[in-house]
Amino acid sequence: MNNAFINPLARGAPAVVSGARAIKQWTREALTLSEDAVVSVNELACHLPGCPPKETVVLVMQGARTLQVSIHKAMQDLTENDVALAFSIAQRT
């Protein structure tokens, strides 16, 4: 019998990290950002009516410019089109 300790929280970490990396890359491509731009991706509980249990928040900081979008999907469910559309809409307003 194997008595090795398995951390159930660590099992999902690689998928989350790779998902965040992909979202950061999609954001950089959608906004044609320079390397000095900071892109932060977080998954939060959504408490708005009709919102799914989780939403993904993407924050971009470049110089004096800050742009943030909330996408009402879990990080693992996002596609490149979701990210591009969210920033396209955010830039129009």
C-alpha atoms as a PDB file:
ATOM      1  CA  MET A   1       0.000   0.000   0.000  1.00  0.00           C
ATOM      2  CA  ASN A   2       1.268   3.472  -0.934  1.00  0.00           C
ATOM      3  CA  ASN A   3       1.289   5.841   2.069  1.00  0.00           C
ATOM      4  CA  ALA A   4       2.467   8.898   0.119  1.00  0.00           C
ATOM      5  CA  PHE A   5       0.604  12.085   0.986  1.00  0.00           C
ATOM      6  CA  ILE A   6      -1.349  13.553  -1.926  1.00  0.00           C
ATOM      7  CA  ASN A   7      -2.298  17.202  -1.660  1.00  0.00           C
ATOM      8  CA  PRO A   8      -5.701  17.514  -3.372  1.00  0.00           C
ATOM      9  CA  LEU A   9      -5.264  21.280  -3.706  1.00  0.00           C
ATOM     10  CA  ALA A  10      -2.005  20.923  -5.619  1.00  0.00           C
ATOM     11  CA  ARG A  11      -3.506  18.613  -8.232  1.00  0.00           C
ATOM     12  CA  GLY A  12      -5.431  21.399  -9.978  1.00  0.00           C
ATOM     13  CA  ALA A  13      -2.653  23.977  -9.825  1.00  0.00           C
ATOM     14  CA  PRO A  14      -0.937  23.196 -13.165  1.00  0.00           C
ATOM     15  CA  ALA A  15      -4.209  23.527 -15.094  1.00  0.00           C
ATOM     16  CA  VAL A  16      -4.983  26.861 -13.439  1.00  0.00           C
ATOM     17  CA  VAL A  17      -1.489  28.183 -14.088  1.00  0.00           C
ATOM     18  CA  SER A  18      -1.539  27.137 -17.736  1.00  0.00           C
ATOM     19  CA  GLY A  19      -5.062  28.584 -18.092  1.00  0.00           C
ATOM     20  CA  ALA A  20      -3.921  31.911 -16.646  1.00  0.00           C
ATOM     21  CA  ARG A  21      -0.880  31.931 -18.940  1.00  0.00           C
ATOM     22  CA  ALA A  22      -3.078  31.357 -21.979  1.00  0.00           C
ATOM     23  CA  ILE A  23      -5.470  34.150 -20.936  1.00  0.00           C
ATOM     24  CA  LYS A  24      -2.520  36.517 -20.416  1.00  0.00           C
ATOM     25  CA  GLN A  25      -1.198  35.654 -23.881  1.00  0.00           C
ATOM     26  CA  TRP A  26      -4.640  36.104 -25.488  1.00  0.00           C
ATOM     27  CA  THR A  27      -4.933  39.481 -23.737  1.00  0.00           C
ATOM     28  CA  ARG A  28      -1.506  40.589 -24.971  1.00  0.00           C
ATOM     29  CA  GLU A  29      -2.461  39.602 -28.522  1.00  0.00           C
ATOM     30  CA  ALA A  30      -5.934  41.195 -28.416  1.00  0.00           C
ATOM     31  CA  LEU A  31      -4.557  44.517 -27.163  1.00  0.00           C
ATOM     32  CA  THR A  32      -1.137  44.330 -28.891  1.00  0.00           C
ATOM     33  CA  LEU A  33       0.594  45.034 -25.592  1.00  0.00           C
ATOM     34  CA  SER A  34       4.287  45.657 -25.105  1.00  0.00           C
ATOM     35  CA  GLU A  35       6.397  43.476 -22.827  1.00  0.00           C
ATOM     36  CA  ASP A  36       6.314  46.081 -20.022  1.00  0.00           C
ATOM     37  CA  ALA A  37       2.536  45.722 -19.639  1.00  0.00           C
ATOM     38  CA  VAL A  38       1.310  43.904 -16.545  1.00  0.00           C
ATOM     39  CA  VAL A  39      -1.547  41.440 -17.065  1.00  0.00           C
ATOM     40  CA  SER A  40      -3.220  39.909 -14.015  1.00  0.00           C
ATOM     41  CA  VAL A  41      -5.803  37.107 -14.165  1.00  0.00           C
ATOM     42  CA  ASN A  42      -7.963  36.110 -11.200  1.00  0.00           C
ATOM     43  CA  GLU A  43     -10.953  33.861 -10.740  1.00  0.00           C
ATOM     44  CA  LEU A  44     -13.489  35.158  -8.227  1.00  0.00           C
ATOM     45  CA  ALA A  45     -16.867  34.165  -6.880  1.00  0.00           C
ATOM     46  CA  CYS A  46     -19.610  36.029  -8.744  1.00  0.00           C
ATOM     47  CA  HIS A  47     -22.427  37.388  -6.614  1.00  0.00           C
ATOM     48  CA  LEU A  48     -24.458  39.214  -9.266  1.00  0.00           C
ATOM     49  CA  PRO A  49     -27.943  37.915 -10.089  1.00  0.00           C
ATOM     50  CA  GLY A  50     -27.824  35.409 -12.947  1.00  0.00           C
ATOM     51  CA  CYS A  51     -24.043  35.155 -12.835  1.00  0.00           C
ATOM     52  CA  PRO A  52     -22.423  31.701 -12.740  1.00  0.00           C
ATOM     53  CA  PRO A  53     -20.608  30.752  -9.513  1.00  0.00           C
ATOM     54  CA  LYS A  54     -17.239  31.960 -10.849  1.00  0.00           C
ATOM     55  CA  GLU A  55     -16.074  34.812 -13.040  1.00  0.00           C
ATOM     56  CA  THR A  56     -12.665  35.648 -14.445  1.00  0.00           C
ATOM     57  CA  VAL A  57     -11.268  39.142 -13.966  1.00  0.00           C
ATOM     58  CA  VAL A  58      -8.443  40.329 -16.228  1.00  0.00           C
ATOM     59  CA  LEU A  59      -6.568  43.516 -15.318  1.00  0.00           C
ATOM     60  CA  VAL A  60      -4.118  45.243 -17.652  1.00  0.00           C
ATOM     61  CA  MET A  61      -1.731  47.972 -16.495  1.00  0.00           C
ATOM     62  CA  GLN A  62       0.534  49.698 -18.984  1.00  0.00           C
ATOM     63  CA  GLY A  63       1.974  53.074 -18.092  1.00  0.00           C
ATOM     64  CA  ALA A  64      -0.888  55.285 -16.903  1.00  0.00           C
ATOM     65  CA  ARG A  65      -3.450  53.099 -18.692  1.00  0.00           C
ATOM     66  CA  THR A  66      -5.471  50.596 -16.672  1.00  0.00           C
ATOM     67  CA  LEU A  67      -8.174  48.388 -18.144  1.00  0.00           C
ATOM     68  CA  GLN A  68     -10.175  45.707 -16.359  1.00  0.00           C
ATOM     69  CA  VAL A  69     -12.781  43.277 -17.632  1.00  0.00           C
ATOM     70  CA  SER A  70     -14.939  40.720 -15.855  1.00  0.00           C
ATOM     71  CA  ILE A  71     -15.958  37.706 -17.897  1.00  0.00           C
ATOM     72  CA  HIS A  72     -18.789  35.686 -16.393  1.00  0.00           C
ATOM     73  CA  LYS A  73     -17.164  32.326 -16.952  1.00  0.00           C
ATOM     74  CA  ALA A  74     -14.735  30.228 -14.952  1.00  0.00           C
ATOM     75  CA  MET A  75     -11.120  30.524 -16.074  1.00  0.00           C
ATOM     76  CA  GLN A  76     -11.093  26.959 -17.427  1.00  0.00           C
ATOM     77  CA  ASP A  77     -14.114  27.681 -19.650  1.00  0.00           C
ATOM     78  CA  LEU A  78     -12.719  30.775 -21.386  1.00  0.00           C
ATOM     79  CA  THR A  79     -11.760  30.855 -25.024  1.00  0.00           C
ATOM     80  CA  GLU A  80      -9.568  33.281 -26.918  1.00  0.00           C
ATOM     81  CA  ASN A  81     -12.726  34.743 -28.489  1.00  0.00           C
ATOM     82  CA  ASP A  82     -14.240  35.438 -25.035  1.00  0.00           C
ATOM     83  CA  VAL A  83     -11.164  37.447 -24.044  1.00  0.00           C
ATOM     84  CA  ALA A  84     -10.941  39.366 -27.333  1.00  0.00           C
ATOM     85  CA  LEU A  85     -14.658  40.219 -27.246  1.00  0.00           C
ATOM     86  CA  ALA A  86     -14.530  41.398 -23.609  1.00  0.00           C
ATOM     87  CA  PHE A  87     -11.656  43.790 -24.330  1.00  0.00           C
ATOM     88  CA  SER A  88     -13.229  44.948 -27.582  1.00  0.00           C
ATOM     89  CA  ILE A  89     -16.378  45.944 -25.692  1.00  0.00           C
ATOM     90  CA  ALA A  90     -14.395  47.513 -22.829  1.00  0.00           C
ATOM     91  CA  GLN A  91     -12.409  49.709 -25.220  1.00  0.00           C
ATOM     92  CA  ARG A  92     -15.585  51.079 -26.821  1.00  0.00           C
ATOM     93  CA  THR A  93     -16.941  52.380 -23.522  1.00  0.00           C
END
